[in-house]
C-alpha atoms as a PDB file:
ATOM      1  CA  MET A   1     -13.151 -12.837 -39.063  1.00  0.00           C
ATOM      2  CA  ARG A   2     -12.395 -14.663 -42.433  1.00  0.00           C
ATOM      3  CA  PHE A   3     -10.101 -16.635 -40.792  1.00  0.00           C
ATOM      4  CA  ALA A   4     -12.248 -17.774 -37.587  1.00  0.00           C
ATOM      5  CA  ARG A   5     -15.122 -18.753 -40.313  1.00  0.00           C
ATOM      6  CA  LEU A   6     -12.729 -20.750 -42.479  1.00  0.00           C
ATOM      7  CA  LEU A   7     -11.408 -22.612 -39.234  1.00  0.00           C
ATOM      8  CA  GLN A   8     -14.854 -23.215 -38.170  1.00  0.00           C
ATOM      9  CA  THR A   9     -15.427 -24.964 -41.701  1.00  0.00           C
ATOM     10  CA  CYS A  10     -12.810 -26.987 -41.514  1.00  0.00           C
ATOM     11  CA  VAL A  11     -13.262 -28.022 -37.943  1.00  0.00           C
ATOM     12  CA  LEU A  12     -16.905 -29.320 -39.000  1.00  0.00           C
ATOM     13  CA  LEU A  13     -15.823 -30.912 -42.132  1.00  0.00           C
ATOM     14  CA  ALA A  14     -13.310 -32.841 -40.424  1.00  0.00           C
ATOM     15  CA  ALA A  15     -15.730 -33.704 -37.767  1.00  0.00           C
ATOM     16  CA  MET A  16     -18.164 -34.834 -40.449  1.00  0.00           C
ATOM     17  CA  CYS A  17     -15.774 -37.318 -42.003  1.00  0.00           C
ATOM     18  CA  CYS A  18     -15.153 -38.793 -38.479  1.00  0.00           C
ATOM     19  CA  ALA A  19     -18.707 -39.041 -37.708  1.00  0.00           C
ATOM     20  CA  ALA A  20     -19.941 -40.449 -40.977  1.00  0.00           C
ATOM     21  CA  GLY A  21     -19.497 -44.148 -39.138  1.00  0.00           C
ATOM     22  CA  LEU A  22     -20.991 -43.348 -36.341  1.00  0.00           C
ATOM     23  CA  ALA A  23     -24.258 -42.184 -37.866  1.00  0.00           C
ATOM     24  CA  LYS A  24     -24.463 -45.394 -39.781  1.00  0.00           C
ATOM     25  CA  ALA A  25     -24.285 -47.547 -36.767  1.00  0.00           C
ATOM     26  CA  ASP A  26     -26.956 -45.302 -34.907  1.00  0.00           C
ATOM     27  CA  ALA A  27     -29.517 -45.622 -37.894  1.00  0.00           C
ATOM     28  CA  ALA A  28     -28.663 -49.531 -37.927  1.00  0.00           C
ATOM     29  CA  ALA A  29     -29.872 -49.157 -34.028  1.00  0.00           C
ATOM     30  CA  THR A  30     -33.466 -48.004 -34.520  1.00  0.00           C
ATOM     31  CA  PRO A  31     -35.604 -49.830 -32.898  1.00  0.00           C
ATOM     32  CA  ALA A  32     -38.861 -51.624 -34.771  1.00  0.00           C
ATOM     33  CA  GLN A  33     -40.806 -50.910 -31.639  1.00  0.00           C
ATOM     34  CA  GLY A  34     -40.805 -48.375 -29.011  1.00  0.00           C
ATOM     35  CA  GLU A  35     -41.484 -48.039 -25.352  1.00  0.00           C
ATOM     36  CA  THR A  36     -44.750 -46.421 -23.838  1.00  0.00           C
ATOM     37  CA  PHE A  37     -44.673 -43.628 -21.144  1.00  0.00           C
ATOM     38  CA  SER A  38     -47.905 -42.142 -19.733  1.00  0.00           C
ATOM     39  CA  LEU A  39     -48.850 -38.676 -18.505  1.00  0.00           C
ATOM     40  CA  GLN A  40     -51.947 -37.850 -16.479  1.00  0.00           C
ATOM     41  CA  LEU A  41     -53.051 -34.245 -16.537  1.00  0.00           C
ATOM     42  CA  ALA A  42     -55.769 -32.720 -14.172  1.00  0.00           C
ATOM     43  CA  ALA A  43     -59.218 -32.938 -15.616  1.00  0.00           C
ATOM     44  CA  PRO A  44     -60.586 -30.056 -17.205  1.00  0.00           C
ATOM     45  CA  GLY A  45     -62.997 -27.834 -15.057  1.00  0.00           C
ATOM     46  CA  ALA A  46     -65.472 -27.159 -18.092  1.00  0.00           C
ATOM     47  CA  ALA A  47     -67.211 -28.959 -21.041  1.00  0.00           C
ATOM     48  CA  VAL A  48     -64.676 -29.738 -23.684  1.00  0.00           C
ATOM     49  CA  ASP A  49     -65.244 -29.171 -27.538  1.00  0.00           C
ATOM     50  CA  ALA A  50     -64.327 -32.684 -29.147  1.00  0.00           C
ATOM     51  CA  GLU A  51     -65.131 -31.822 -32.633  1.00  0.00           C
ATOM     52  CA  SER A  52     -63.240 -28.635 -33.657  1.00  0.00           C
ATOM     53  CA  GLY A  53     -59.602 -27.426 -33.032  1.00  0.00           C
ATOM     54  CA  THR A  54     -57.067 -25.077 -33.755  1.00  0.00           C
ATOM     55  CA  VAL A  55     -53.442 -24.590 -34.776  1.00  0.00           C
ATOM     56  CA  GLN A  56     -52.042 -20.984 -34.285  1.00  0.00           C
ATOM     57  CA  PHE A  57     -48.802 -19.978 -35.889  1.00  0.00           C
ATOM     58  CA  ILE A  58     -46.650 -18.188 -33.637  1.00  0.00           C
ATOM     59  CA  GLY A  59     -43.585 -17.853 -35.445  1.00  0.00           C
ATOM     60  CA  THR A  60     -40.309 -20.063 -36.441  1.00  0.00           C
ATOM     61  CA  ALA A  61     -41.389 -23.700 -35.140  1.00  0.00           C
ATOM     62  CA  THR A  62     -43.612 -22.322 -32.547  1.00  0.00           C
ATOM     63  CA  VAL A  63     -47.280 -23.269 -32.783  1.00  0.00           C
ATOM     64  CA  ILE A  64     -49.979 -23.482 -30.199  1.00  0.00           C
ATOM     65  CA  ILE A  65     -52.517 -26.466 -30.940  1.00  0.00           C
ATOM     66  CA  ARG A  66     -55.896 -26.726 -28.895  1.00  0.00           C
ATOM     67  CA  TYR A  67     -58.129 -29.511 -29.540  1.00  0.00           C
ATOM     68  CA  GLN A  68     -60.206 -31.902 -27.139  1.00  0.00           C
ATOM     69  CA  GLY A  69     -59.137 -29.973 -24.062  1.00  0.00           C
ATOM     70  CA  PHE A  70     -55.354 -30.291 -24.710  1.00  0.00           C
ATOM     71  CA  THR A  71     -53.314 -27.181 -25.442  1.00  0.00           C
ATOM     72  CA  ILE A  72     -49.979 -28.107 -26.969  1.00  0.00           C
ATOM     73  CA  LEU A  73     -46.958 -25.594 -27.305  1.00  0.00           C
ATOM     74  CA  THR A  74     -44.454 -26.653 -29.921  1.00  0.00           C
ATOM     75  CA  ASP A  75     -40.892 -25.694 -30.109  1.00  0.00           C
ATOM     76  CA  PRO A  76     -41.273 -22.605 -27.954  1.00  0.00           C
ATOM     77  CA  ASN A  77     -39.237 -19.529 -29.257  1.00  0.00           C
ATOM     78  CA  PHE A  78     -40.339 -16.091 -27.864  1.00  0.00           C
ATOM     79  CA  LEU A  79     -37.087 -14.091 -28.544  1.00  0.00           C
ATOM     80  CA  HIS A  80     -37.760 -10.722 -30.388  1.00  0.00           C
ATOM     81  CA  LYS A  81     -36.245  -9.395 -33.716  1.00  0.00           C
ATOM     82  CA  GLY A  82     -32.755  -8.606 -33.366  1.00  0.00           C
ATOM     83  CA  GLY A  83     -32.188 -11.317 -30.754  1.00  0.00           C
ATOM     84  CA  HIS A  84     -29.665 -14.025 -31.019  1.00  0.00           C
ATOM     85  CA  VAL A  85     -29.219 -17.635 -30.452  1.00  0.00           C
ATOM     86  CA  HIS A  86     -26.361 -19.956 -30.225  1.00  0.00           C
ATOM     87  CA  LEU A  87     -26.249 -22.911 -32.495  1.00  0.00           C
ATOM     88  CA  GLY A  88     -22.850 -24.569 -31.410  1.00  0.00           C
ATOM     89  CA  TYR A  89     -19.398 -24.498 -32.552  1.00  0.00           C
ATOM     90  CA  GLY A  90     -19.318 -20.510 -31.910  1.00  0.00           C
ATOM     91  CA  LEU A  91     -22.164 -20.237 -34.301  1.00  0.00           C
ATOM     92  CA  THR A  92     -24.651 -17.868 -33.699  1.00  0.00           C
ATOM     93  CA  SER A  93     -28.051 -16.507 -35.895  1.00  0.00           C
ATOM     94  CA  GLU A  94     -29.961 -13.234 -35.515  1.00  0.00           C
ATOM     95  CA  ARG A  95     -33.999 -13.411 -35.729  1.00  0.00           C
ATOM     96  CA  LYS A  96     -35.372 -11.179 -38.021  1.00  0.00           C
ATOM     97  CA  THR A  97     -38.962 -11.415 -37.197  1.00  0.00           C
ATOM     98  CA  GLU A  98     -41.310 -10.915 -34.171  1.00  0.00           C
ATOM     99  CA  PRO A  99     -43.013 -13.881 -32.280  1.00  0.00           C
ATOM    100  CA  ALA A 100     -46.843 -13.496 -32.873  1.00  0.00           C
ATOM    101  CA  ILE A 101     -47.548 -13.137 -29.005  1.00  0.00           C
ATOM    102  CA  ASN A 102     -45.211 -12.483 -25.916  1.00  0.00           C
ATOM    103  CA  PHE A 103     -44.229 -15.538 -23.716  1.00  0.00           C
ATOM    104  CA  GLU A 104     -46.092 -14.039 -20.992  1.00  0.00           C
ATOM    105  CA  ASP A 105     -49.383 -13.937 -22.980  1.00  0.00           C
ATOM    106  CA  LEU A 106     -49.451 -18.054 -23.416  1.00  0.00           C
ATOM    107  CA  PRO A 107     -52.648 -19.894 -22.354  1.00  0.00           C
ATOM    108  CA  PRO A 108     -51.976 -22.634 -19.910  1.00  0.00           C
ATOM    109  CA  ILE A 109     -49.991 -25.118 -21.490  1.00  0.00           C
ATOM    110  CA  ASP A 110     -50.666 -28.930 -20.986  1.00  0.00           C
ATOM    111  CA  LEU A 111     -47.615 -30.110 -22.774  1.00  0.00           C
ATOM    112  CA  VAL A 112     -44.713 -28.924 -24.824  1.00  0.00           C
ATOM    113  CA  VAL A 113     -43.543 -31.075 -27.932  1.00  0.00           C
ATOM    114  CA  LEU A 114     -39.965 -30.100 -28.091  1.00  0.00           C
ATOM    115  CA  SER A 115     -38.335 -31.485 -31.484  1.00  0.00           C
ATOM    116  CA  HIS A 116     -34.839 -30.737 -30.232  1.00  0.00           C
ATOM    117  CA  PHE A 117     -32.656 -28.550 -28.173  1.00  0.00           C
ATOM    118  CA  HIS A 118     -31.461 -25.854 -29.836  1.00  0.00           C
ATOM    119  CA  ASP A 119     -31.914 -22.061 -29.036  1.00  0.00           C
ATOM    120  CA  ASP A 120     -34.215 -21.287 -32.002  1.00  0.00           C
ATOM    121  CA  HIS A 121     -36.534 -24.075 -30.613  1.00  0.00           C
ATOM    122  CA  PHE A 122     -36.300 -23.549 -26.984  1.00  0.00           C
ATOM    123  CA  ASP A 123     -34.476 -20.360 -26.366  1.00  0.00           C
ATOM    124  CA  LYS A 124     -32.741 -18.675 -23.144  1.00  0.00           C
ATOM    125  CA  LEU A 125     -35.902 -16.600 -22.139  1.00  0.00           C
ATOM    126  CA  VAL A 126     -38.016 -19.958 -22.388  1.00  0.00           C
ATOM    127  CA  GLN A 127     -35.414 -21.671 -20.356  1.00  0.00           C
ATOM    128  CA  GLU A 128     -35.341 -19.008 -17.797  1.00  0.00           C
ATOM    129  CA  LYS A 129     -39.054 -18.367 -17.601  1.00  0.00           C
ATOM    130  CA  LEU A 130     -41.165 -21.616 -18.446  1.00  0.00           C
ATOM    131  CA  ASN A 131     -42.607 -23.201 -15.276  1.00  0.00           C
ATOM    132  CA  ARG A 132     -40.270 -26.139 -14.095  1.00  0.00           C
ATOM    133  CA  ALA A 133     -43.378 -28.377 -13.848  1.00  0.00           C
ATOM    134  CA  THR A 134     -44.387 -28.097 -17.336  1.00  0.00           C
ATOM    135  CA  PRO A 135     -44.685 -31.582 -18.858  1.00  0.00           C
ATOM    136  CA  ILE A 136     -42.134 -31.713 -22.272  1.00  0.00           C
ATOM    137  CA  VAL A 137     -41.751 -34.345 -24.610  1.00  0.00           C
ATOM    138  CA  SER A 138     -38.524 -34.719 -26.556  1.00  0.00           C
ATOM    139  CA  THR A 139     -35.637 -36.518 -27.628  1.00  0.00           C
ATOM    140  CA  LYS A 140     -33.485 -38.337 -24.870  1.00  0.00           C
ATOM    141  CA  GLU A 141     -30.725 -36.036 -25.186  1.00  0.00           C
ATOM    142  CA  ALA A 142     -32.913 -32.957 -24.898  1.00  0.00           C
ATOM    143  CA  GLY A 143     -34.672 -34.791 -21.784  1.00  0.00           C
ATOM    144  CA  GLU A 144     -31.149 -34.848 -20.062  1.00  0.00           C
ATOM    145  CA  ARG A 145     -30.439 -31.164 -20.780  1.00  0.00           C
ATOM    146  CA  LEU A 146     -34.066 -30.288 -19.617  1.00  0.00           C
ATOM    147  CA  LYS A 147     -33.445 -32.098 -16.370  1.00  0.00           C
ATOM    148  CA  ARG A 148     -30.177 -30.562 -15.802  1.00  0.00           C
ATOM    149  CA  LEU A 149     -32.202 -27.090 -16.017  1.00  0.00           C
ATOM    150  CA  GLY A 150     -34.542 -28.163 -13.358  1.00  0.00           C
ATOM    151  CA  PHE A 151     -37.388 -29.228 -15.338  1.00  0.00           C
ATOM    152  CA  THR A 152     -39.179 -31.976 -13.349  1.00  0.00           C
ATOM    153  CA  ARG A 153     -41.718 -33.700 -16.054  1.00  0.00           C
ATOM    154  CA  THR A 154     -39.758 -34.314 -19.066  1.00  0.00           C
ATOM    155  CA  PHE A 155     -40.075 -37.676 -21.269  1.00  0.00           C
ATOM    156  CA  GLY A 156     -37.081 -38.398 -23.696  1.00  0.00           C
ATOM    157  CA  LEU A 157     -38.258 -40.723 -26.239  1.00  0.00           C
ATOM    158  CA  SER A 158     -36.202 -42.676 -28.923  1.00  0.00           C
ATOM    159  CA  THR A 159     -37.554 -43.434 -32.561  1.00  0.00           C
ATOM    160  CA  TRP A 160     -41.206 -44.893 -32.085  1.00  0.00           C
ATOM    161  CA  ASP A 161     -41.148 -44.108 -28.594  1.00  0.00           C
ATOM    162  CA  ARG A 162     -44.705 -43.235 -27.471  1.00  0.00           C
ATOM    163  CA  LEU A 163     -46.269 -40.816 -24.904  1.00  0.00           C
ATOM    164  CA  GLU A 164     -49.685 -41.785 -23.751  1.00  0.00           C
ATOM    165  CA  VAL A 165     -51.681 -38.353 -22.226  1.00  0.00           C
ATOM    166  CA  SER A 166     -54.853 -38.512 -20.690  1.00  0.00           C
ATOM    167  CA  LYS A 167     -56.672 -35.284 -19.537  1.00  0.00           C
ATOM    168  CA  GLY A 168     -60.170 -36.250 -17.941  1.00  0.00           C
ATOM    169  CA  ALA A 169     -61.839 -38.490 -20.452  1.00  0.00           C
ATOM    170  CA  ALA A 170     -59.844 -37.252 -23.413  1.00  0.00           C
ATOM    171  CA  ARG A 171     -56.782 -38.871 -24.916  1.00  0.00           C
ATOM    172  CA  MET A 172     -54.029 -38.457 -27.156  1.00  0.00           C
ATOM    173  CA  ARG A 173     -50.455 -40.007 -27.998  1.00  0.00           C
ATOM    174  CA  VAL A 174     -47.328 -38.608 -28.999  1.00  0.00           C
ATOM    175  CA  THR A 175     -44.932 -40.930 -30.898  1.00  0.00           C
ATOM    176  CA  ALA A 176     -41.537 -39.888 -31.715  1.00  0.00           C
ATOM    177  CA  ALA A 177     -40.751 -40.350 -35.395  1.00  0.00           C
ATOM    178  CA  PRO A 178     -37.565 -40.309 -37.193  1.00  0.00           C
ATOM    179  CA  GLY A 179     -35.707 -37.092 -37.832  1.00  0.00           C
ATOM    180  CA  ARG A 180     -32.070 -36.266 -38.849  1.00  0.00           C
ATOM    181  CA  HIS A 181     -30.793 -32.608 -38.564  1.00  0.00           C
ATOM    182  CA  GLY A 182     -29.031 -32.687 -41.828  1.00  0.00           C
ATOM    183  CA  PRO A 183     -26.759 -35.155 -44.148  1.00  0.00           C
ATOM    184  CA  ALA A 184     -25.484 -38.017 -41.820  1.00  0.00           C
ATOM    185  CA  GLY A 185     -21.988 -36.700 -41.051  1.00  0.00           C
ATOM    186  CA  VAL A 186     -23.320 -33.288 -40.201  1.00  0.00           C
ATOM    187  CA  ALA A 187     -26.311 -34.479 -37.997  1.00  0.00           C
ATOM    188  CA  VAL A 188     -23.972 -36.263 -35.845  1.00  0.00           C
ATOM    189  CA  LEU A 189     -22.406 -33.229 -34.865  1.00  0.00           C
ATOM    190  CA  LEU A 190     -25.738 -31.359 -34.315  1.00  0.00           C
ATOM    191  CA  PRO A 191     -28.677 -32.124 -31.446  1.00  0.00           C
ATOM    192  CA  LYS A 192     -30.642 -35.251 -32.092  1.00  0.00           C
ATOM    193  CA  THR A 193     -34.043 -34.340 -33.595  1.00  0.00           C
ATOM    194  CA  MET A 194     -37.279 -36.079 -33.757  1.00  0.00           C
ATOM    195  CA  GLY A 195     -40.418 -35.875 -35.864  1.00  0.00           C
ATOM    196  CA  SER A 196     -43.534 -36.251 -33.940  1.00  0.00           C
ATOM    197  CA  VAL A 197     -46.865 -37.934 -34.697  1.00  0.00           C
ATOM    198  CA  LEU A 198     -49.977 -36.756 -32.584  1.00  0.00           C
ATOM    199  CA  ASP A 199     -53.053 -38.979 -32.562  1.00  0.00           C
ATOM    200  CA  PHE A 200     -56.038 -37.378 -30.714  1.00  0.00           C
ATOM    201  CA  GLY A 201     -58.794 -39.598 -29.275  1.00  0.00           C
ATOM    202  CA  PRO A 202     -59.481 -42.772 -27.496  1.00  0.00           C
ATOM    203  CA  ASN A 203     -58.412 -45.295 -30.288  1.00  0.00           C
ATOM    204  CA  PRO A 204     -54.957 -44.458 -31.774  1.00  0.00           C
ATOM    205  CA  ASP A 205     -55.535 -46.835 -34.476  1.00  0.00           C
ATOM    206  CA  MET A 206     -58.752 -44.891 -35.658  1.00  0.00           C
ATOM    207  CA  PRO A 207     -57.830 -41.347 -34.172  1.00  0.00           C
ATOM    208  CA  ASP A 208     -60.095 -38.439 -34.259  1.00  0.00           C
ATOM    209  CA  TYR A 209     -57.454 -36.382 -35.714  1.00  0.00           C
ATOM    210  CA  ARG A 210     -53.880 -37.145 -36.859  1.00  0.00           C
ATOM    211  CA  MET A 211     -51.180 -34.480 -37.054  1.00  0.00           C
ATOM    212  CA  TYR A 212     -47.428 -34.957 -37.922  1.00  0.00           C
ATOM    213  CA  ILE A 213     -44.788 -32.283 -36.989  1.00  0.00           C
ATOM    214  CA  SER A 214     -41.753 -32.843 -39.123  1.00  0.00           C
ATOM    215  CA  GLY A 215     -39.063 -31.560 -36.414  1.00  0.00           C
ATOM    216  CA  ASP A 216     -35.942 -30.122 -38.180  1.00  0.00           C
ATOM    217  CA  THR A 217     -35.079 -32.909 -40.823  1.00  0.00           C
ATOM    218  CA  LEU A 218     -34.331 -33.558 -44.347  1.00  0.00           C
ATOM    219  CA  VAL A 219     -35.981 -36.284 -46.223  1.00  0.00           C
ATOM    220  CA  TYR A 220     -34.178 -39.537 -46.222  1.00  0.00           C
ATOM    221  CA  ASP A 221     -34.794 -43.039 -46.406  1.00  0.00           C
ATOM    222  CA  ASP A 222     -36.493 -43.586 -42.721  1.00  0.00           C
ATOM    223  CA  ILE A 223     -38.793 -40.949 -43.201  1.00  0.00           C
ATOM    224  CA  HIS A 224     -40.754 -43.679 -45.533  1.00  0.00           C
ATOM    225  CA  ALA A 225     -41.618 -45.637 -42.559  1.00  0.00           C
ATOM    226  CA  ILE A 226     -43.979 -42.810 -41.054  1.00  0.00           C
ATOM    227  CA  PRO A 227     -46.660 -43.266 -43.632  1.00  0.00           C
ATOM    228  CA  GLN A 228     -46.203 -47.081 -43.315  1.00  0.00           C
ATOM    229  CA  ARG A 229     -46.838 -46.824 -39.725  1.00  0.00           C
ATOM    230  CA  PHE A 230     -49.258 -43.716 -39.729  1.00  0.00           C
ATOM    231  CA  PRO A 231     -51.375 -43.777 -42.677  1.00  0.00           C
ATOM    232  CA  ASN A 232     -54.167 -40.980 -43.551  1.00  0.00           C
ATOM    233  CA  ILE A 233     -52.447 -38.126 -41.676  1.00  0.00           C
ATOM    234  CA  ASP A 234     -54.676 -35.148 -41.517  1.00  0.00           C
ATOM    235  CA  LEU A 235     -52.239 -32.271 -41.163  1.00  0.00           C
ATOM    236  CA  ALA A 236     -48.576 -31.674 -41.426  1.00  0.00           C
ATOM    237  CA  LEU A 237     -46.517 -28.993 -39.936  1.00  0.00           C
ATOM    238  CA  LEU A 238     -43.235 -29.049 -41.821  1.00  0.00           C
ATOM    239  CA  HIS A 239     -39.791 -27.247 -40.686  1.00  0.00           C
ATOM    240  CA  LEU A 240     -38.773 -25.425 -43.821  1.00  0.00           C
ATOM    241  CA  GLY A 241     -36.063 -22.919 -44.172  1.00  0.00           C
ATOM    242  CA  GLY A 242     -33.426 -24.660 -45.825  1.00  0.00           C
ATOM    243  CA  THR A 243     -31.221 -23.693 -43.216  1.00  0.00           C
ATOM    244  CA  ARG A 244     -27.253 -23.582 -43.861  1.00  0.00           C
ATOM    245  CA  ILE A 245     -24.514 -23.677 -41.394  1.00  0.00           C
ATOM    246  CA  LEU A 246     -21.698 -21.398 -42.568  1.00  0.00           C
ATOM    247  CA  GLY A 247     -23.966 -20.929 -45.496  1.00  0.00           C
ATOM    248  CA  VAL A 248     -22.960 -23.969 -46.992  1.00  0.00           C
ATOM    249  CA  LEU A 249     -24.345 -26.983 -44.780  1.00  0.00           C
ATOM    250  CA  LYS A 250     -28.287 -27.678 -45.473  1.00  0.00           C
ATOM    251  CA  VAL A 251     -29.603 -28.929 -42.199  1.00  0.00           C
ATOM    252  CA  THR A 252     -33.295 -28.470 -42.711  1.00  0.00           C
ATOM    253  CA  MET A 253     -35.866 -28.538 -45.522  1.00  0.00           C
ATOM    254  CA  ASP A 254     -36.023 -26.084 -48.432  1.00  0.00           C
ATOM    255  CA  GLY A 255     -38.907 -25.730 -50.638  1.00  0.00           C
ATOM    256  CA  LYS A 256     -38.270 -28.704 -52.893  1.00  0.00           C
ATOM    257  CA  ASP A 257     -37.546 -30.872 -49.920  1.00  0.00           C
ATOM    258  CA  GLY A 258     -40.948 -29.815 -48.410  1.00  0.00           C
ATOM    259  CA  VAL A 259     -42.768 -30.866 -51.486  1.00  0.00           C
ATOM    260  CA  ARG A 260     -40.901 -34.332 -51.108  1.00  0.00           C
ATOM    261  CA  MET A 261     -41.998 -34.691 -47.909  1.00  0.00           C
ATOM    262  CA  MET A 262     -45.634 -33.898 -48.558  1.00  0.00           C
ATOM    263  CA  GLN A 263     -45.501 -36.596 -51.317  1.00  0.00           C
ATOM    264  CA  VAL A 264     -44.038 -39.209 -49.005  1.00  0.00           C
ATOM    265  CA  ILE A 265     -46.102 -38.295 -45.929  1.00  0.00           C
ATOM    266  CA  ARG A 266     -49.290 -37.539 -48.088  1.00  0.00           C
ATOM    267  CA  PRO A 267     -51.161 -35.515 -45.439  1.00  0.00           C
ATOM    268  CA  ARG A 268     -54.426 -34.057 -46.239  1.00  0.00           C
ATOM    269  CA  LYS A 269     -53.371 -30.674 -45.490  1.00  0.00           C
ATOM    270  CA  THR A 270     -49.719 -29.066 -44.757  1.00  0.00           C
ATOM    271  CA  VAL A 271     -48.828 -25.965 -43.161  1.00  0.00           C
ATOM    272  CA  PRO A 272     -45.379 -24.517 -43.658  1.00  0.00           C
ATOM    273  CA  ILE A 273     -43.401 -23.212 -40.690  1.00  0.00           C
ATOM    274  CA  HIS A 274     -39.793 -22.316 -39.903  1.00  0.00           C
ATOM    275  CA  TYR A 275     -38.829 -20.462 -42.535  1.00  0.00           C
ATOM    276  CA  SER A 276     -38.354 -16.843 -42.365  1.00  0.00           C
ATOM    277  CA  ASP A 277     -37.375 -16.108 -38.902  1.00  0.00           C
ATOM    278  CA  TYR A 278     -33.429 -16.428 -38.514  1.00  0.00           C
ATOM    279  CA  ASP A 279     -30.614 -15.245 -40.794  1.00  0.00           C
ATOM    280  CA  VAL A 280     -29.375 -18.862 -41.421  1.00  0.00           C
ATOM    281  CA  PHE A 281     -32.865 -19.519 -43.161  1.00  0.00           C
ATOM    282  CA  LYS A 282     -31.929 -19.317 -46.990  1.00  0.00           C
ATOM    283  CA  SER A 283     -35.013 -20.826 -48.425  1.00  0.00           C
ATOM    284  CA  PRO A 284     -37.956 -18.295 -48.371  1.00  0.00           C
ATOM    285  CA  LEU A 285     -41.377 -19.439 -48.451  1.00  0.00           C
ATOM    286  CA  GLU A 286     -41.786 -18.324 -52.017  1.00  0.00           C
ATOM    287  CA  ASP A 287     -39.640 -21.153 -53.046  1.00  0.00           C
ATOM    288  CA  PHE A 288     -41.889 -23.946 -51.237  1.00  0.00           C
ATOM    289  CA  ALA A 289     -44.781 -22.101 -52.868  1.00  0.00           C
ATOM    290  CA  ARG A 290     -43.358 -22.150 -56.221  1.00  0.00           C
ATOM    291  CA  GLU A 291     -42.469 -25.984 -55.775  1.00  0.00           C
ATOM    292  CA  VAL A 292     -46.213 -26.495 -54.448  1.00  0.00           C
ATOM    293  CA  LYS A 293     -47.487 -25.063 -57.747  1.00  0.00           C
ATOM    294  CA  ALA A 294     -45.240 -26.975 -60.084  1.00  0.00           C
ATOM    295  CA  ALA A 295     -46.263 -30.230 -58.383  1.00  0.00           C
ATOM    296  CA  GLY A 296     -49.828 -29.384 -58.422  1.00  0.00           C
ATOM    297  CA  LEU A 297     -50.427 -29.345 -54.901  1.00  0.00           C
ATOM    298  CA  GLU A 298     -51.794 -25.790 -53.899  1.00  0.00           C
ATOM    299  CA  ARG A 299     -55.103 -27.314 -52.707  1.00  0.00           C
ATOM    300  CA  ASP A 300     -53.158 -29.195 -50.182  1.00  0.00           C
ATOM    301  CA  VAL A 301     -51.480 -26.264 -48.360  1.00  0.00           C
ATOM    302  CA  VAL A 302     -52.464 -23.630 -45.893  1.00  0.00           C
ATOM    303  CA  TYR A 303     -50.221 -20.622 -45.559  1.00  0.00           C
ATOM    304  CA  LEU A 304     -50.453 -18.940 -42.100  1.00  0.00           C
ATOM    305  CA  ALA A 305     -48.862 -15.489 -41.435  1.00  0.00           C
ATOM    306  CA  HIS A 306     -47.609 -15.139 -37.493  1.00  0.00           C
ATOM    307  CA  GLY A 307     -50.692 -14.908 -35.750  1.00  0.00           C
ATOM    308  CA  GLU A 308     -53.061 -16.686 -37.700  1.00  0.00           C
ATOM    309  CA  THR A 309     -54.898 -19.717 -37.036  1.00  0.00           C
ATOM    310  CA  TYR A 310     -55.837 -22.872 -38.974  1.00  0.00           C
ATOM    311  CA  ALA A 311     -59.358 -24.466 -37.912  1.00  0.00           C
ATOM    312  CA  PHE A 312     -59.906 -28.177 -38.338  1.00  0.00           C
ATOM    313  CA  ARG A 313     -62.385 -30.819 -37.193  1.00  0.00           C
ATOM    314  CA  ARG A 314     -62.699 -34.179 -36.155  1.00  0.00           C
ATOM    315  CA  VAL A 315     -62.299 -36.603 -39.286  1.00  0.00           C
ATOM    316  CA  GLN A 316     -64.758 -39.553 -39.631  1.00  0.00           C
ATOM    317  CA  ARG A 317     -62.894 -42.433 -40.791  1.00  0.00           C
END
């Protein structure tokens, strides 16, 4: 077992050295302006509340967002405690918590926002049971994998690409934001990831509500472009956990990184997610809470237990 773990470490470190140059080239190719795609959903059959919305925390990076007639599911992970996910390179991780609801109890979903294709974000149960006609927006790499699994309404985005979604009179836009799943060399070995900016309302330049979902990323230079393009973010959902591969390589934000992200993005409110559910998560929520208190940002953070809901209202700009 020790030899296998040592071999895995050596392979990863060697690959990191080879991949660093590729990471730099990939970063240089990030476009200044993205493409626009469109998705039209069936109009709702009943009146829609355009003023109030909710975010329900299911566990891991899974939340259900309900607003203006849209029901959006993020990073669906419904494995139960004791289940295992595969992270690549022979690595696995065990789930330590239960999801707040079972997959079978999900409401009808208009759109899945998937930050990247990893089993703890799109597990085998979801791969088998999710309706193949469910619209899914993710990275281009994830989009290709989803197509091979038989999903028929996939939208693969590069950084700054946009998906315009309409449902009757309601409008929203999903924009792919920068994300990097670890240090440059490590990120090349892992699935490409994206953050997401969700703008609700007919005018994306003056949205009724603006939400940022970090995805599995660290804070790096490209993140600073997000508040420049998308100021006045109303709510940020931050993927924390301080995930470490082989106990060494950090590939998601820990508590200190989460506060740095808040200081860069400057959201009105922040909800931490993705922090206690798997044994590769090494930075508990307490780390983030301690850093938040030290930075004097306690009033800006909403802590949700699994199953709890944050309610918000349309913002008057």
